[in-house]
Amino acid sequence: MAVHILLARGARHAEDLVLERLETLLPRTPEPRLLARPVRLVVPSSSLRHHLAATLLARRGRAVAGLVIQTHRGLAHEALARLGEAVRPADALLPLLGRRLARRQPPLERVLGELEDGYHAAAASLRDFLDAGLEPLHAEALDELLAADGGAAASPAGVRRARALVATARQLYELTEHQDLDHAARLLRRARDAIAARPQEALPTRALLIHGYADATAVAGDLLETLLRAYDGTAVIDQPPDPRRPGRRERAFSTPLVLRFGQLAAAEEAAAAADEPAIELLIAADPQREARAVARR
C-alpha cells in the first residue's frame, strides 16, 4: 500500500470519492475478523461525521460494521486511551490562565486593563500561538525578530505589545507543560507522537481516509501527516471549480495543505463525471423566500 492524495472537483465529488473508496474497503457481508482493525475515516467536525454516517447508511441500506468515522480530536483521545495515557483536558481552563498571565505584562495591561473583558482578545491570540505549535525555541526567535525588525511594521508601543504577547504565550506553554494540562494543541501533539511510535497499538487500523480538510493548524496538520504516513492513508482534498472561469479550480486556500501532504505522495487529479458549475441568478422577495428557494434546489 501507499499514501494517496486525491484532488476533488467540488464538495459532492469529494464525498463521492470517499463513499466509493469505502465501498471497496467494506465487505458486503459481515466479517467479524475485520472488527478488530476497522477502516477509519477522519474528518474535521462532528457535523460532517454525522452527515457522512447518515449518507453511508442511506446508500448501503443497512448498518455498517468495521468503520469508525471520527474527528481528529476524537481520534487523539482514543489513541492515548488505548495506550493507557491519562488526559487532563484544559480547554476550559486555558482562557483563564491566558488572561491571568497577560495581566502581568505592563504593555498589555495598559491597553486592555480598562476594557470590559479586554483580555479576551489576548486569550484568543494565545490559543492561536499554541495551535500553531509555538514552543519556547520559537518564542525566543520570534522575540528577537520583533526586537530587530518590528519597528518597520508597527510603532514602538505596538512592538512592545507584540513582544509581551509572545512572552505570555511562552509562559502559557510552559505552565501547561509543567502542570500536565492537555489543551487542544498539546493533546494532538501527544497523539501524534504516540501514533508515530506505536501505530497499531495506538489505533488498530486496516485502512485510513482523511476527508473534509481544506486547511489545518500546524499541530493538526502534523497529526494528519503522521496518520497518512503510519497507515498508508488516502486524503481527499476539495479544489472546487471556479464558476467564473470554466476549466479552472480554486486552489489558493488548499495549496498549503496539498504541499504539506505532497511530501508523502504526489497529488492526483481525480476524474469527475459532474458537469462544470454554472452561475445562476435567483431573485426572491425576502430572505425567507430566498432560503426556501435555495433549499428546493
C-alpha atoms as a PDB file:
ATOM      1  CA  MET A   1       0.000   0.000   0.000  1.00  0.00           C
ATOM      2  CA  ALA A   2       1.000   3.647  -0.371  1.00  0.00           C
ATOM      3  CA  VAL A   3      -0.174   7.128   0.552  1.00  0.00           C
ATOM      4  CA  HIS A   4      -2.626   8.711  -1.915  1.00  0.00           C
ATOM      5  CA  ILE A   5      -3.597  12.384  -2.211  1.00  0.00           C
ATOM      6  CA  LEU A   6      -6.732  12.870  -4.343  1.00  0.00           C
ATOM      7  CA  LEU A   7      -7.834  16.310  -5.537  1.00  0.00           C
ATOM      8  CA  ALA A   8     -11.604  16.538  -5.980  1.00  0.00           C
ATOM      9  CA  ARG A   9     -13.628  18.959  -8.098  1.00  0.00           C
ATOM     10  CA  GLY A  10     -16.119  20.245  -5.539  1.00  0.00           C
ATOM     11  CA  ALA A  11     -17.704  19.048  -2.306  1.00  0.00           C
ATOM     12  CA  ARG A  12     -20.040  16.491  -3.918  1.00  0.00           C
ATOM     13  CA  HIS A  13     -17.232  14.999  -5.948  1.00  0.00           C
ATOM     14  CA  ALA A  14     -15.053  14.760  -2.824  1.00  0.00           C
ATOM     15  CA  GLU A  15     -17.837  12.998  -0.937  1.00  0.00           C
ATOM     16  CA  ASP A  16     -18.462  10.612  -3.831  1.00  0.00           C
ATOM     17  CA  LEU A  17     -14.765   9.701  -3.909  1.00  0.00           C
ATOM     18  CA  VAL A  18     -14.822   8.920  -0.189  1.00  0.00           C
ATOM     19  CA  LEU A  19     -18.000   6.842  -0.403  1.00  0.00           C
ATOM     20  CA  GLU A  20     -16.703   4.905  -3.418  1.00  0.00           C
ATOM     21  CA  ARG A  21     -13.463   4.188  -1.592  1.00  0.00           C
ATOM     22  CA  LEU A  22     -15.401   2.964   1.434  1.00  0.00           C
ATOM     23  CA  GLU A  23     -17.455   0.661  -0.764  1.00  0.00           C
ATOM     24  CA  THR A  24     -14.254  -1.057  -1.884  1.00  0.00           C
ATOM     25  CA  LEU A  25     -12.951  -1.372   1.680  1.00  0.00           C
ATOM     26  CA  LEU A  26     -16.092  -2.521   3.498  1.00  0.00           C
ATOM     27  CA  PRO A  27     -17.361  -6.067   2.948  1.00  0.00           C
ATOM     28  CA  ARG A  28     -20.917  -6.559   1.726  1.00  0.00           C
ATOM     29  CA  THR A  29     -21.471  -9.283   4.323  1.00  0.00           C
ATOM     30  CA  PRO A  30     -20.349  -9.114   7.976  1.00  0.00           C
ATOM     31  CA  GLU A  31     -16.819 -10.346   8.672  1.00  0.00           C
ATOM     32  CA  PRO A  32     -16.196 -10.325  12.456  1.00  0.00           C
ATOM     33  CA  ARG A  33     -12.452 -10.768  11.992  1.00  0.00           C
ATOM     34  CA  LEU A  34     -12.241  -7.270  10.488  1.00  0.00           C
ATOM     35  CA  LEU A  35     -13.792  -5.539  13.505  1.00  0.00           C
ATOM     36  CA  ALA A  36     -10.541  -5.519  15.475  1.00  0.00           C
ATOM     37  CA  ARG A  37      -8.879  -3.360  12.804  1.00  0.00           C
ATOM     38  CA  PRO A  38     -11.544  -1.052  11.382  1.00  0.00           C
ATOM     39  CA  VAL A  39     -11.430   1.312   8.467  1.00  0.00           C
ATOM     40  CA  ARG A  40     -11.069   4.851   9.823  1.00  0.00           C
ATOM     41  CA  LEU A  41     -12.457   7.996   8.229  1.00  0.00           C
ATOM     42  CA  VAL A  42     -11.042  11.160   9.820  1.00  0.00           C
ATOM     43  CA  VAL A  43     -12.978  14.430   9.447  1.00  0.00           C
ATOM     44  CA  PRO A  44     -12.653  17.935  10.941  1.00  0.00           C
ATOM     45  CA  SER A  45     -16.065  18.273  12.614  1.00  0.00           C
ATOM     46  CA  SER A  46     -18.834  16.340  14.328  1.00  0.00           C
ATOM     47  CA  SER A  47     -21.411  17.728  11.895  1.00  0.00           C
ATOM     48  CA  LEU A  48     -19.547  16.233   8.923  1.00  0.00           C
ATOM     49  CA  ARG A  49     -19.136  12.972  10.828  1.00  0.00           C
ATOM     50  CA  HIS A  50     -22.898  12.726  11.386  1.00  0.00           C
ATOM     51  CA  HIS A  51     -23.636  13.664   7.764  1.00  0.00           C
ATOM     52  CA  LEU A  52     -21.306  11.035   6.326  1.00  0.00           C
ATOM     53  CA  ALA A  53     -22.625   8.346   8.656  1.00  0.00           C
ATOM     54  CA  ALA A  54     -26.221   9.104   7.623  1.00  0.00           C
ATOM     55  CA  THR A  55     -25.293   9.251   3.930  1.00  0.00           C
ATOM     56  CA  LEU A  56     -23.445   5.938   4.059  1.00  0.00           C
ATOM     57  CA  LEU A  57     -26.329   4.238   5.866  1.00  0.00           C
ATOM     58  CA  ALA A  58     -28.799   5.529   3.310  1.00  0.00           C
ATOM     59  CA  ARG A  59     -26.572   4.414   0.471  1.00  0.00           C
ATOM     60  CA  ARG A  60     -25.998   0.882   1.799  1.00  0.00           C
ATOM     61  CA  GLY A  61     -29.475   0.451   3.262  1.00  0.00           C
ATOM     62  CA  ARG A  62     -28.316  -1.254   6.445  1.00  0.00           C
ATOM     63  CA  ALA A  63     -25.930  -0.946   9.389  1.00  0.00           C
ATOM     64  CA  VAL A  64     -22.207  -0.790   8.679  1.00  0.00           C
ATOM     65  CA  ALA A  65     -19.677  -2.653  10.818  1.00  0.00           C
ATOM     66  CA  GLY A  66     -15.922  -2.250  10.744  1.00  0.00           C
ATOM     67  CA  LEU A  67     -15.943   1.505  10.097  1.00  0.00           C
ATOM     68  CA  VAL A  68     -15.074   4.320  12.501  1.00  0.00           C
ATOM     69  CA  ILE A  69     -15.864   7.901  11.471  1.00  0.00           C
ATOM     70  CA  GLN A  70     -14.223  10.309  13.895  1.00  0.00           C
ATOM     71  CA  THR A  71     -12.789  13.792  14.234  1.00  0.00           C
ATOM     72  CA  HIS A  72      -9.041  14.130  14.609  1.00  0.00           C
ATOM     73  CA  ARG A  73      -9.602  15.193  18.193  1.00  0.00           C
ATOM     74  CA  GLY A  74     -11.712  12.131  18.975  1.00  0.00           C
ATOM     75  CA  LEU A  75      -9.038  10.012  17.328  1.00  0.00           C
ATOM     76  CA  ALA A  76      -6.384  11.622  19.554  1.00  0.00           C
ATOM     77  CA  HIS A  77      -8.375  10.770  22.687  1.00  0.00           C
ATOM     78  CA  GLU A  78      -8.818   7.164  21.525  1.00  0.00           C
ATOM     79  CA  ALA A  79      -5.120   6.706  20.741  1.00  0.00           C
ATOM     80  CA  LEU A  80      -3.976   7.908  24.157  1.00  0.00           C
ATOM     81  CA  ALA A  81      -6.676   5.900  25.953  1.00  0.00           C
ATOM     82  CA  ARG A  82      -5.628   2.694  24.173  1.00  0.00           C
ATOM     83  CA  LEU A  83      -2.064   3.229  25.367  1.00  0.00           C
ATOM     84  CA  GLY A  84      -3.207   3.891  28.922  1.00  0.00           C
ATOM     85  CA  GLU A  85      -2.063   7.516  28.886  1.00  0.00           C
ATOM     86  CA  ALA A  86      -4.152   9.851  31.014  1.00  0.00           C
ATOM     87  CA  VAL A  87      -5.611  13.034  29.539  1.00  0.00           C
ATOM     88  CA  ARG A  88      -6.215  16.149  31.629  1.00  0.00           C
ATOM     89  CA  PRO A  89      -8.479  18.379  29.491  1.00  0.00           C
ATOM     90  CA  ALA A  90      -7.652  22.065  29.824  1.00  0.00           C
ATOM     91  CA  ASP A  91      -9.594  23.805  27.059  1.00  0.00           C
ATOM     92  CA  ALA A  92     -11.952  25.474  29.547  1.00  0.00           C
ATOM     93  CA  LEU A  93      -9.037  26.482  31.771  1.00  0.00           C
ATOM     94  CA  LEU A  94      -6.780  27.827  29.033  1.00  0.00           C
ATOM     95  CA  PRO A  95      -8.543  31.216  28.529  1.00  0.00           C
ATOM     96  CA  LEU A  96      -8.483  31.866  32.274  1.00  0.00           C
ATOM     97  CA  LEU A  97      -4.776  31.084  32.544  1.00  0.00           C
ATOM     98  CA  GLY A  98      -4.076  33.201  29.482  1.00  0.00           C
ATOM     99  CA  ARG A  99      -5.919  36.204  30.930  1.00  0.00           C
ATOM    100  CA  ARG A 100      -4.067  35.926  34.236  1.00  0.00           C
ATOM    101  CA  LEU A 101      -0.675  35.779  32.566  1.00  0.00           C
ATOM    102  CA  ALA A 102      -1.491  38.629  30.168  1.00  0.00           C
ATOM    103  CA  ARG A 103      -2.427  40.904  33.089  1.00  0.00           C
ATOM    104  CA  ARG A 104       1.149  40.620  34.350  1.00  0.00           C
ATOM    105  CA  GLN A 105       2.508  42.214  31.164  1.00  0.00           C
ATOM    106  CA  PRO A 106       2.534  46.033  31.525  1.00  0.00           C
ATOM    107  CA  PRO A 107       2.343  46.723  27.745  1.00  0.00           C
ATOM    108  CA  LEU A 108      -0.841  44.633  27.562  1.00  0.00           C
ATOM    109  CA  GLU A 109      -2.300  45.844  30.851  1.00  0.00           C
ATOM    110  CA  ARG A 110      -2.061  49.483  29.735  1.00  0.00           C
ATOM    111  CA  VAL A 111      -4.301  48.957  26.680  1.00  0.00           C
ATOM    112  CA  LEU A 112      -6.526  46.077  27.811  1.00  0.00           C
ATOM    113  CA  GLY A 113      -6.858  46.517  31.559  1.00  0.00           C
ATOM    114  CA  GLU A 114      -9.549  49.202  31.477  1.00  0.00           C
ATOM    115  CA  LEU A 115     -11.723  47.449  28.883  1.00  0.00           C
ATOM    116  CA  GLU A 116     -14.558  45.125  29.780  1.00  0.00           C
ATOM    117  CA  ASP A 117     -13.149  41.648  29.184  1.00  0.00           C
ATOM    118  CA  GLY A 118     -10.305  43.294  27.328  1.00  0.00           C
ATOM    119  CA  TYR A 119      -8.094  40.252  27.742  1.00  0.00           C
ATOM    120  CA  HIS A 120     -10.467  38.126  25.665  1.00  0.00           C
ATOM    121  CA  ALA A 121      -8.602  39.199  22.519  1.00  0.00           C
ATOM    122  CA  ALA A 122      -5.275  38.318  24.111  1.00  0.00           C
ATOM    123  CA  ALA A 123      -6.574  34.891  25.195  1.00  0.00           C
ATOM    124  CA  ALA A 124      -7.701  34.139  21.632  1.00  0.00           C
ATOM    125  CA  SER A 125      -4.288  35.092  20.252  1.00  0.00           C
ATOM    126  CA  LEU A 126      -2.549  32.940  22.845  1.00  0.00           C
ATOM    127  CA  ARG A 127      -4.623  29.931  21.764  1.00  0.00           C
ATOM    128  CA  ASP A 128      -3.647  30.659  18.152  1.00  0.00           C
ATOM    129  CA  PHE A 129       0.021  30.603  19.125  1.00  0.00           C
ATOM    130  CA  LEU A 130      -0.363  27.208  20.784  1.00  0.00           C
ATOM    131  CA  ASP A 131      -2.390  25.813  17.879  1.00  0.00           C
ATOM    132  CA  ALA A 132       0.394  26.956  15.554  1.00  0.00           C
ATOM    133  CA  GLY A 133       2.817  24.794  17.519  1.00  0.00           C
ATOM    134  CA  LEU A 134       4.674  27.509  19.411  1.00  0.00           C
ATOM    135  CA  GLU A 135       7.353  26.239  21.779  1.00  0.00           C
ATOM    136  CA  PRO A 136       9.985  28.179  23.800  1.00  0.00           C
ATOM    137  CA  LEU A 137      12.534  27.969  20.982  1.00  0.00           C
ATOM    138  CA  HIS A 138      10.046  29.546  18.552  1.00  0.00           C
ATOM    139  CA  ALA A 139       9.100  32.233  21.064  1.00  0.00           C
ATOM    140  CA  GLU A 140      12.735  33.198  21.549  1.00  0.00           C
ATOM    141  CA  ALA A 141      13.338  33.501  17.806  1.00  0.00           C
ATOM    142  CA  LEU A 142      10.117  35.460  17.314  1.00  0.00           C
ATOM    143  CA  ASP A 143      11.010  37.882  20.108  1.00  0.00           C
ATOM    144  CA  GLU A 144      14.409  38.506  18.535  1.00  0.00           C
ATOM    145  CA  LEU A 145      12.767  39.142  15.168  1.00  0.00           C
ATOM    146  CA  LEU A 146      10.302  41.616  16.671  1.00  0.00           C
ATOM    147  CA  ALA A 147      13.078  43.423  18.511  1.00  0.00           C
ATOM    148  CA  ALA A 148      15.175  43.720  15.346  1.00  0.00           C
ATOM    149  CA  ASP A 149      12.586  44.354  12.632  1.00  0.00           C
ATOM    150  CA  GLY A 150       9.245  45.016  14.340  1.00  0.00           C
ATOM    151  CA  GLY A 151       9.695  48.768  14.059  1.00  0.00           C
ATOM    152  CA  ALA A 152       9.271  48.553  10.288  1.00  0.00           C
ATOM    153  CA  ALA A 153       5.674  47.381  10.699  1.00  0.00           C
ATOM    154  CA  ALA A 154       4.471  48.914  13.983  1.00  0.00           C
ATOM    155  CA  SER A 155       5.048  51.740  16.429  1.00  0.00           C
ATOM    156  CA  PRO A 156       7.413  51.225  19.378  1.00  0.00           C
ATOM    157  CA  ALA A 157       4.382  50.697  21.636  1.00  0.00           C
ATOM    158  CA  GLY A 158       2.963  48.166  19.189  1.00  0.00           C
ATOM    159  CA  VAL A 159       6.229  46.253  19.126  1.00  0.00           C
ATOM    160  CA  ARG A 160       6.281  46.151  22.926  1.00  0.00           C
ATOM    161  CA  ARG A 161       2.746  44.742  22.976  1.00  0.00           C
ATOM    162  CA  ALA A 162       3.628  42.119  20.384  1.00  0.00           C
ATOM    163  CA  ARG A 163       6.705  41.042  22.346  1.00  0.00           C
ATOM    164  CA  ALA A 164       4.644  40.927  25.537  1.00  0.00           C
ATOM    165  CA  LEU A 165       2.081  38.692  23.821  1.00  0.00           C
ATOM    166  CA  VAL A 166       4.805  36.312  22.623  1.00  0.00           C
ATOM    167  CA  ALA A 167       6.280  36.213  26.126  1.00  0.00           C
ATOM    168  CA  THR A 168       2.848  35.422  27.547  1.00  0.00           C
ATOM    169  CA  ALA A 169       2.346  32.628  25.020  1.00  0.00           C
ATOM    170  CA  ARG A 170       5.657  31.124  26.069  1.00  0.00           C
ATOM    171  CA  GLN A 171       4.684  31.335  29.741  1.00  0.00           C
ATOM    172  CA  LEU A 172       1.337  29.696  28.996  1.00  0.00           C
ATOM    173  CA  TYR A 173       3.052  26.870  27.109  1.00  0.00           C
ATOM    174  CA  GLU A 174       5.498  26.288  29.973  1.00  0.00           C
ATOM    175  CA  LEU A 175       2.723  26.418  32.582  1.00  0.00           C
ATOM    176  CA  THR A 176       0.567  23.828  30.807  1.00  0.00           C
ATOM    177  CA  GLU A 177       3.583  21.576  30.300  1.00  0.00           C
ATOM    178  CA  HIS A 178       4.589  21.866  33.963  1.00  0.00           C
ATOM    179  CA  GLN A 179       1.028  21.209  35.163  1.00  0.00           C
ATOM    180  CA  ASP A 180       0.476  18.445  32.570  1.00  0.00           C
ATOM    181  CA  LEU A 181      -2.630  20.187  31.196  1.00  0.00           C
ATOM    182  CA  ASP A 182      -3.894  18.956  27.829  1.00  0.00           C
ATOM    183  CA  HIS A 183      -5.210  21.871  25.816  1.00  0.00           C
ATOM    184  CA  ALA A 184      -6.165  21.010  22.226  1.00  0.00           C
ATOM    185  CA  ALA A 185      -2.721  21.541  20.708  1.00  0.00           C
ATOM    186  CA  ARG A 186      -0.940  19.519  23.398  1.00  0.00           C
ATOM    187  CA  LEU A 187      -3.460  16.683  23.058  1.00  0.00           C
ATOM    188  CA  LEU A 188      -2.825  16.481  19.309  1.00  0.00           C
ATOM    189  CA  ARG A 189       0.949  16.591  19.803  1.00  0.00           C
ATOM    190  CA  ARG A 190       0.828  13.734  22.298  1.00  0.00           C
ATOM    191  CA  ALA A 191      -1.361  11.670  19.973  1.00  0.00           C
ATOM    192  CA  ARG A 192       0.942  12.378  17.025  1.00  0.00           C
ATOM    193  CA  ASP A 193       3.975  11.139  18.944  1.00  0.00           C
ATOM    194  CA  ALA A 194       2.138   8.059  20.251  1.00  0.00           C
ATOM    195  CA  ILE A 195       0.872   7.056  16.809  1.00  0.00           C
ATOM    196  CA  ALA A 196       4.270   7.604  15.182  1.00  0.00           C
ATOM    197  CA  ALA A 197       5.922   5.336  17.765  1.00  0.00           C
ATOM    198  CA  ARG A 198       3.276   2.585  18.080  1.00  0.00           C
ATOM    199  CA  PRO A 199       0.696   2.930  15.274  1.00  0.00           C
ATOM    200  CA  GLN A 200      -1.214  -0.354  15.524  1.00  0.00           C
ATOM    201  CA  GLU A 201      -1.205  -0.322  19.314  1.00  0.00           C
ATOM    202  CA  ALA A 202      -2.445   3.243  19.479  1.00  0.00           C
ATOM    203  CA  LEU A 203      -5.028   2.844  16.698  1.00  0.00           C
ATOM    204  CA  PRO A 204      -5.630  -0.599  15.209  1.00  0.00           C
ATOM    205  CA  THR A 205      -6.465   0.323  11.638  1.00  0.00           C
ATOM    206  CA  ARG A 206      -6.957  -1.595   8.380  1.00  0.00           C
ATOM    207  CA  ALA A 207      -7.241   1.479   6.160  1.00  0.00           C
ATOM    208  CA  LEU A 208      -7.440   5.217   6.765  1.00  0.00           C
ATOM    209  CA  LEU A 209      -9.087   8.061   4.856  1.00  0.00           C
ATOM    210  CA  ILE A 210      -8.944  11.791   5.544  1.00  0.00           C
ATOM    211  CA  HIS A 211     -11.748  13.982   4.203  1.00  0.00           C
ATOM    212  CA  GLY A 212     -13.166  17.473   4.654  1.00  0.00           C
ATOM    213  CA  TYR A 213      -9.963  19.421   5.249  1.00  0.00           C
ATOM    214  CA  ALA A 214      -9.062  22.422   3.116  1.00  0.00           C
ATOM    215  CA  ASP A 215      -6.665  23.761   5.738  1.00  0.00           C
ATOM    216  CA  ALA A 216      -5.362  22.796   9.167  1.00  0.00           C
ATOM    217  CA  THR A 217      -3.428  24.374  12.001  1.00  0.00           C
ATOM    218  CA  ALA A 218       0.231  23.404  12.240  1.00  0.00           C
ATOM    219  CA  VAL A 219      -0.372  20.929  15.069  1.00  0.00           C
ATOM    220  CA  ALA A 220      -3.445  19.356  13.446  1.00  0.00           C
ATOM    221  CA  GLY A 221      -1.569  19.168  10.152  1.00  0.00           C
ATOM    222  CA  ASP A 222       1.289  17.328  11.871  1.00  0.00           C
ATOM    223  CA  LEU A 223      -1.176  14.753  13.210  1.00  0.00           C
ATOM    224  CA  LEU A 224      -2.859  14.255   9.833  1.00  0.00           C
ATOM    225  CA  GLU A 225       0.502  13.854   8.130  1.00  0.00           C
ATOM    226  CA  THR A 226       1.532  11.281  10.731  1.00  0.00           C
ATOM    227  CA  LEU A 227      -1.708   9.359  10.158  1.00  0.00           C
ATOM    228  CA  LEU A 228      -1.151   9.221   6.409  1.00  0.00           C
ATOM    229  CA  ARG A 229       2.399   8.015   6.880  1.00  0.00           C
ATOM    230  CA  ALA A 230       1.638   5.466   9.609  1.00  0.00           C
ATOM    231  CA  TYR A 231      -1.321   3.805   7.859  1.00  0.00           C
ATOM    232  CA  ASP A 232      -0.608   4.439   4.157  1.00  0.00           C
ATOM    233  CA  GLY A 233      -3.726   6.557   4.167  1.00  0.00           C
ATOM    234  CA  THR A 234      -5.687   8.403   1.496  1.00  0.00           C
ATOM    235  CA  ALA A 235      -6.524  12.115   1.749  1.00  0.00           C
ATOM    236  CA  VAL A 236      -9.275  13.658  -0.372  1.00  0.00           C
ATOM    237  CA  ILE A 237      -8.900  17.434  -0.741  1.00  0.00           C
ATOM    238  CA  ASP A 238     -11.527  19.573  -2.417  1.00  0.00           C
ATOM    239  CA  GLN A 239     -10.366  22.110  -5.003  1.00  0.00           C
ATOM    240  CA  PRO A 240     -13.715  23.287  -6.403  1.00  0.00           C
ATOM    241  CA  PRO A 241     -14.141  24.558  -9.957  1.00  0.00           C
ATOM    242  CA  ASP A 242     -14.295  28.310 -10.426  1.00  0.00           C
ATOM    243  CA  PRO A 243     -17.748  29.071 -11.935  1.00  0.00           C
ATOM    244  CA  ARG A 244     -16.387  32.302 -13.408  1.00  0.00           C
ATOM    245  CA  ARG A 245     -13.596  30.541 -15.315  1.00  0.00           C
ATOM    246  CA  PRO A 246     -14.600  27.124 -16.723  1.00  0.00           C
ATOM    247  CA  GLY A 247     -11.848  24.545 -16.527  1.00  0.00           C
ATOM    248  CA  ARG A 248     -10.052  26.255 -13.659  1.00  0.00           C
ATOM    249  CA  ARG A 249     -10.091  25.452  -9.946  1.00  0.00           C
ATOM    250  CA  GLU A 250      -9.942  27.456  -6.756  1.00  0.00           C
ATOM    251  CA  ARG A 251      -6.605  26.287  -5.363  1.00  0.00           C
ATOM    252  CA  ALA A 252      -5.271  29.136  -3.236  1.00  0.00           C
ATOM    253  CA  PHE A 253      -6.866  28.171   0.086  1.00  0.00           C
ATOM    254  CA  SER A 254      -5.967  24.471  -0.007  1.00  0.00           C
ATOM    255  CA  THR A 255      -2.483  24.812  -1.504  1.00  0.00           C
ATOM    256  CA  PRO A 256      -0.588  24.776   1.850  1.00  0.00           C
ATOM    257  CA  LEU A 257      -2.258  21.504   2.835  1.00  0.00           C
ATOM    258  CA  VAL A 258      -1.644  19.970  -0.592  1.00  0.00           C
ATOM    259  CA  LEU A 259       2.024  20.948  -0.384  1.00  0.00           C
ATOM    260  CA  ARG A 260       2.324  19.500   3.124  1.00  0.00           C
ATOM    261  CA  PHE A 261       0.773  16.172   2.127  1.00  0.00           C
ATOM    262  CA  GLY A 262       2.707  16.314  -1.132  1.00  0.00           C
ATOM    263  CA  GLN A 263       5.848  15.479   0.810  1.00  0.00           C
ATOM    264  CA  LEU A 264       4.379  11.983   1.231  1.00  0.00           C
ATOM    265  CA  ALA A 265       2.957  11.419  -2.254  1.00  0.00           C
ATOM    266  CA  ALA A 266       2.226  13.304  -5.433  1.00  0.00           C
ATOM    267  CA  ALA A 267      -1.295  14.732  -5.577  1.00  0.00           C
ATOM    268  CA  GLU A 268      -3.570  13.108  -8.168  1.00  0.00           C
ATOM    269  CA  GLU A 269      -6.358  14.862 -10.058  1.00  0.00           C
ATOM    270  CA  ALA A 270      -9.409  12.656  -9.550  1.00  0.00           C
ATOM    271  CA  ALA A 271     -11.614  12.256 -12.595  1.00  0.00           C
ATOM    272  CA  ALA A 272     -15.085  13.767 -12.242  1.00  0.00           C
ATOM    273  CA  ALA A 273     -18.205  12.949 -14.225  1.00  0.00           C
ATOM    274  CA  ALA A 274     -20.072  16.013 -12.991  1.00  0.00           C
ATOM    275  CA  ASP A 275     -20.660  18.955 -15.324  1.00  0.00           C
ATOM    276  CA  GLU A 276     -18.797  22.188 -14.783  1.00  0.00           C
ATOM    277  CA  PRO A 277     -20.683  24.546 -12.436  1.00  0.00           C
ATOM    278  CA  ALA A 278     -22.621  27.469 -13.816  1.00  0.00           C
ATOM    279  CA  ILE A 279     -23.691  30.734 -12.228  1.00  0.00           C
ATOM    280  CA  GLU A 280     -27.451  31.175 -11.870  1.00  0.00           C
ATOM    281  CA  LEU A 281     -29.308  34.272 -10.712  1.00  0.00           C
ATOM    282  CA  LEU A 282     -32.028  33.855  -8.088  1.00  0.00           C
ATOM    283  CA  ILE A 283     -34.393  36.698  -7.175  1.00  0.00           C
ATOM    284  CA  ALA A 284     -36.584  36.490  -4.087  1.00  0.00           C
ATOM    285  CA  ALA A 285     -38.892  38.944  -2.328  1.00  0.00           C
ATOM    286  CA  ASP A 286     -37.339  38.466   1.118  1.00  0.00           C
ATOM    287  CA  PRO A 287     -34.710  36.366   2.926  1.00  0.00           C
ATOM    288  CA  GLN A 288     -37.225  33.680   3.924  1.00  0.00           C
ATOM    289  CA  ARG A 289     -38.312  33.083   0.317  1.00  0.00           C
ATOM    290  CA  GLU A 290     -34.673  33.136  -0.759  1.00  0.00           C
ATOM    291  CA  ALA A 291     -33.802  30.422   1.779  1.00  0.00           C
ATOM    292  CA  ARG A 292     -36.753  28.273   0.673  1.00  0.00           C
ATOM    293  CA  ALA A 293     -35.812  28.627  -2.984  1.00  0.00           C
ATOM    294  CA  VAL A 294     -32.217  27.621  -2.301  1.00  0.00           C
ATOM    295  CA  ALA A 295     -33.332  24.631  -0.229  1.00  0.00           C
ATOM    296  CA  ARG A 296     -35.596  23.408  -3.062  1.00  0.00           C
ATOM    297  CA  ARG A 297     -32.698  23.486  -5.471  1.00  0.00           C
END
